[in-house]
Amino acid sequence: ASHRRRHGKANVRVLDLSANRKINVTFSEDAVFWQWAAVETLRHTGLRCDELLELSQVSIRQYIRPNGEIVALLVVAP
């Protein structure tokens, strides 16, 4: 399967001589980042996997405390 970035610099590929195949390092780096982000979100929030899959950018809201401090809130759909 071919994976392409939609923005940013071109993909970086390396040749794995032991398997004689090209590895898309850019895609691998992106995949590992999102795996880490999912695990950390589960770890810090206690969400269930199905709740994690429902999150989007609109799930993060700002709350301004009376003292003016801005707090990020994670809104989870029931």
N, C-alpha and C. Protein backbone atom coordinates (compact mmCIF):
# COMPACT_ATOMS: atom_id res chain seq x y z
N ALA A 1 0.84 -1.18 0.00
CA ALA A 1 0.00 0.00 0.00
C ALA A 1 0.89 1.24 0.00
N SER A 2 0.50 2.19 -0.78
CA SER A 2 1.25 3.43 -0.86
C SER A 2 0.62 4.47 0.07
N HIS A 3 1.43 5.06 0.92
CA HIS A 3 0.93 6.08 1.86
C HIS A 3 1.63 7.38 1.52
N ARG A 4 0.84 8.42 1.35
CA ARG A 4 1.41 9.73 1.00
C ARG A 4 0.97 10.75 2.01
N ARG A 5 1.86 11.69 2.26
CA ARG A 5 1.49 12.82 3.12
C ARG A 5 0.68 13.79 2.30
N ARG A 6 -0.26 14.40 2.94
CA ARG A 6 -1.11 15.37 2.24
C ARG A 6 -0.52 16.77 2.29
N HIS A 7 0.45 16.97 3.17
CA HIS A 7 1.05 18.29 3.31
C HIS A 7 2.48 18.10 3.77
N GLY A 8 3.24 19.16 3.76
CA GLY A 8 4.61 19.09 4.27
C GLY A 8 5.59 18.56 3.24
N LYS A 9 6.73 18.16 3.75
CA LYS A 9 7.81 17.70 2.89
C LYS A 9 7.51 16.31 2.33
N ALA A 10 8.27 15.95 1.31
CA ALA A 10 8.11 14.63 0.69
C ALA A 10 8.49 13.54 1.68
N ASN A 11 7.94 12.36 1.46
CA ASN A 11 8.24 11.21 2.30
C ASN A 11 9.71 10.83 2.20
N VAL A 12 10.25 10.35 3.31
CA VAL A 12 11.62 9.85 3.34
C VAL A 12 11.55 8.33 3.32
N ARG A 13 12.28 7.73 2.41
CA ARG A 13 12.30 6.28 2.31
C ARG A 13 13.73 5.79 2.44
N VAL A 14 13.87 4.60 3.05
CA VAL A 14 15.18 3.96 3.16
C VAL A 14 15.06 2.54 2.62
N LEU A 15 16.18 1.98 2.25
CA LEU A 15 16.20 0.62 1.73
C LEU A 15 16.64 -0.33 2.83
N ASP A 16 15.78 -1.29 3.15
CA ASP A 16 16.10 -2.35 4.12
C ASP A 16 16.82 -3.44 3.33
N LEU A 17 18.13 -3.49 3.47
CA LEU A 17 18.93 -4.44 2.68
C LEU A 17 18.65 -5.88 3.08
N SER A 18 18.32 -6.13 4.34
CA SER A 18 18.07 -7.51 4.76
C SER A 18 16.81 -8.08 4.14
N ALA A 19 15.81 -7.23 3.88
CA ALA A 19 14.56 -7.69 3.28
C ALA A 19 14.42 -7.23 1.84
N ASN A 20 15.38 -6.43 1.37
CA ASN A 20 15.37 -5.88 0.01
C ASN A 20 14.04 -5.18 -0.29
N ARG A 21 13.67 -4.28 0.62
CA ARG A 21 12.44 -3.51 0.41
C ARG A 21 12.62 -2.09 0.91
N LYS A 22 11.84 -1.19 0.35
CA LYS A 22 11.87 0.21 0.77
C LYS A 22 10.93 0.41 1.94
N ILE A 23 11.37 1.22 2.91
CA ILE A 23 10.55 1.54 4.08
C ILE A 23 10.27 3.03 4.05
N ASN A 24 9.00 3.38 4.16
CA ASN A 24 8.60 4.79 4.22
C ASN A 24 8.75 5.24 5.67
N VAL A 25 9.88 5.87 5.97
CA VAL A 25 10.19 6.28 7.34
C VAL A 25 9.22 7.38 7.81
N THR A 26 8.81 8.24 6.92
CA THR A 26 7.89 9.32 7.27
C THR A 26 6.56 8.74 7.73
N PHE A 27 6.03 7.77 6.99
CA PHE A 27 4.77 7.14 7.38
C PHE A 27 4.94 6.42 8.71
N SER A 28 6.03 5.70 8.86
CA SER A 28 6.27 4.96 10.11
C SER A 28 6.33 5.91 11.30
N GLU A 29 7.00 7.04 11.12
CA GLU A 29 7.10 8.03 12.19
C GLU A 29 5.73 8.58 12.55
N ASP A 30 4.92 8.90 11.56
CA ASP A 30 3.57 9.40 11.81
C ASP A 30 2.73 8.35 12.54
N ALA A 31 2.80 7.09 12.10
CA ALA A 31 2.01 6.02 12.71
C ALA A 31 2.42 5.82 14.17
N VAL A 32 3.71 5.83 14.44
CA VAL A 32 4.18 5.64 15.81
C VAL A 32 3.75 6.80 16.69
N PHE A 33 3.79 8.02 16.17
CA PHE A 33 3.33 9.17 16.96
C PHE A 33 1.86 9.00 17.36
N TRP A 34 0.99 8.64 16.41
CA TRP A 34 -0.43 8.52 16.72
C TRP A 34 -0.71 7.34 17.64
N GLN A 35 0.07 6.28 17.55
CA GLN A 35 -0.07 5.17 18.49
C GLN A 35 0.28 5.64 19.90
N TRP A 36 1.37 6.37 20.02
CA TRP A 36 1.78 6.91 21.31
C TRP A 36 0.71 7.86 21.86
N ALA A 37 0.20 8.74 21.00
CA ALA A 37 -0.81 9.70 21.43
C ALA A 37 -2.07 8.99 21.94
N ALA A 38 -2.47 7.92 21.26
CA ALA A 38 -3.66 7.17 21.69
C ALA A 38 -3.43 6.53 23.05
N VAL A 39 -2.28 5.91 23.24
CA VAL A 39 -1.97 5.25 24.51
C VAL A 39 -1.92 6.28 25.64
N GLU A 40 -1.28 7.41 25.40
CA GLU A 40 -1.19 8.44 26.44
C GLU A 40 -2.56 9.04 26.77
N THR A 41 -3.40 9.21 25.76
CA THR A 41 -4.75 9.72 26.01
C THR A 41 -5.54 8.73 26.85
N LEU A 42 -5.46 7.45 26.51
CA LEU A 42 -6.14 6.43 27.31
C LEU A 42 -5.61 6.41 28.73
N ARG A 43 -4.30 6.49 28.87
CA ARG A 43 -3.65 6.40 30.18
C ARG A 43 -4.03 7.57 31.09
N HIS A 44 -4.06 8.78 30.52
CA HIS A 44 -4.31 9.97 31.33
C HIS A 44 -5.78 10.29 31.56
N THR A 45 -6.66 9.75 30.72
CA THR A 45 -8.07 10.12 30.83
C THR A 45 -8.96 9.00 31.35
N GLY A 46 -8.54 7.76 31.20
CA GLY A 46 -9.40 6.64 31.59
C GLY A 46 -10.50 6.36 30.58
N LEU A 47 -10.37 6.91 29.38
CA LEU A 47 -11.38 6.65 28.34
C LEU A 47 -11.36 5.19 27.93
N ARG A 48 -12.49 4.72 27.43
CA ARG A 48 -12.55 3.41 26.79
C ARG A 48 -12.14 3.59 25.34
N CYS A 49 -11.72 2.51 24.70
CA CYS A 49 -11.24 2.57 23.31
C CYS A 49 -12.29 3.16 22.37
N ASP A 50 -13.56 2.75 22.53
CA ASP A 50 -14.60 3.28 21.65
C ASP A 50 -14.80 4.78 21.84
N GLU A 51 -14.60 5.26 23.07
CA GLU A 51 -14.70 6.71 23.32
C GLU A 51 -13.53 7.44 22.67
N LEU A 52 -12.35 6.85 22.73
CA LEU A 52 -11.17 7.45 22.10
C LEU A 52 -11.38 7.61 20.59
N LEU A 53 -11.96 6.60 19.97
CA LEU A 53 -12.18 6.63 18.52
C LEU A 53 -13.17 7.69 18.10
N GLU A 54 -14.01 8.14 19.01
CA GLU A 54 -15.01 9.17 18.70
C GLU A 54 -14.47 10.59 18.86
N LEU A 55 -13.28 10.75 19.43
CA LEU A 55 -12.73 12.09 19.65
C LEU A 55 -12.39 12.77 18.33
N SER A 56 -12.53 14.09 18.32
CA SER A 56 -12.12 14.90 17.18
C SER A 56 -11.58 16.23 17.72
N GLN A 57 -11.21 17.11 16.83
CA GLN A 57 -10.66 18.39 17.28
C GLN A 57 -11.69 19.22 18.03
N VAL A 58 -12.97 18.99 17.80
CA VAL A 58 -13.99 19.75 18.52
C VAL A 58 -14.27 19.16 19.90
N SER A 59 -13.61 18.05 20.24
CA SER A 59 -13.76 17.45 21.56
C SER A 59 -12.98 18.21 22.62
N ILE A 60 -12.10 19.09 22.19
CA ILE A 60 -11.30 19.88 23.13
C ILE A 60 -11.90 21.28 23.21
N ARG A 61 -12.31 21.66 24.40
CA ARG A 61 -12.94 22.97 24.62
C ARG A 61 -12.13 23.76 25.63
N GLN A 62 -12.26 25.06 25.56
CA GLN A 62 -11.58 25.92 26.53
C GLN A 62 -12.57 26.35 27.61
N TYR A 63 -12.10 26.31 28.84
CA TYR A 63 -12.88 26.80 29.97
C TYR A 63 -12.04 27.87 30.64
N ILE A 64 -12.63 29.01 30.88
CA ILE A 64 -11.92 30.10 31.54
C ILE A 64 -12.40 30.18 32.99
N ARG A 65 -11.48 29.94 33.90
CA ARG A 65 -11.79 30.00 35.32
C ARG A 65 -12.00 31.45 35.75
N PRO A 66 -12.67 31.66 36.87
CA PRO A 66 -12.90 33.04 37.34
C PRO A 66 -11.61 33.86 37.50
N ASN A 67 -10.49 33.19 37.78
CA ASN A 67 -9.23 33.93 37.92
C ASN A 67 -8.56 34.21 36.57
N GLY A 68 -9.21 33.84 35.47
CA GLY A 68 -8.68 34.11 34.14
C GLY A 68 -7.86 32.98 33.55
N GLU A 69 -7.58 31.95 34.33
CA GLU A 69 -6.80 30.81 33.83
C GLU A 69 -7.62 30.03 32.81
N ILE A 70 -6.98 29.68 31.70
CA ILE A 70 -7.65 28.90 30.66
C ILE A 70 -7.29 27.43 30.84
N VAL A 71 -8.32 26.59 30.89
CA VAL A 71 -8.14 25.16 31.09
C VAL A 71 -8.73 24.43 29.88
N ALA A 72 -8.00 23.44 29.37
CA ALA A 72 -8.52 22.63 28.27
C ALA A 72 -9.38 21.52 28.84
N LEU A 73 -10.57 21.37 28.28
CA LEU A 73 -11.49 20.32 28.70
C LEU A 73 -11.68 19.33 27.55
N LEU A 74 -11.71 18.05 27.88
CA LEU A 74 -11.95 17.02 26.89
C LEU A 74 -13.41 16.61 27.01
N VAL A 75 -14.19 16.85 25.97
CA VAL A 75 -15.61 16.55 25.98
C VAL A 75 -15.81 15.19 25.32
N VAL A 76 -16.38 14.25 26.07
CA VAL A 76 -16.59 12.90 25.58
C VAL A 76 -18.07 12.67 25.39
N ALA A 77 -18.44 12.24 24.19
CA ALA A 77 -19.85 11.96 23.91
C ALA A 77 -20.27 10.68 24.62
N PRO A 78 -21.47 10.67 25.22
CA PRO A 78 -21.92 9.46 25.93
C PRO A 78 -22.24 8.34 24.96
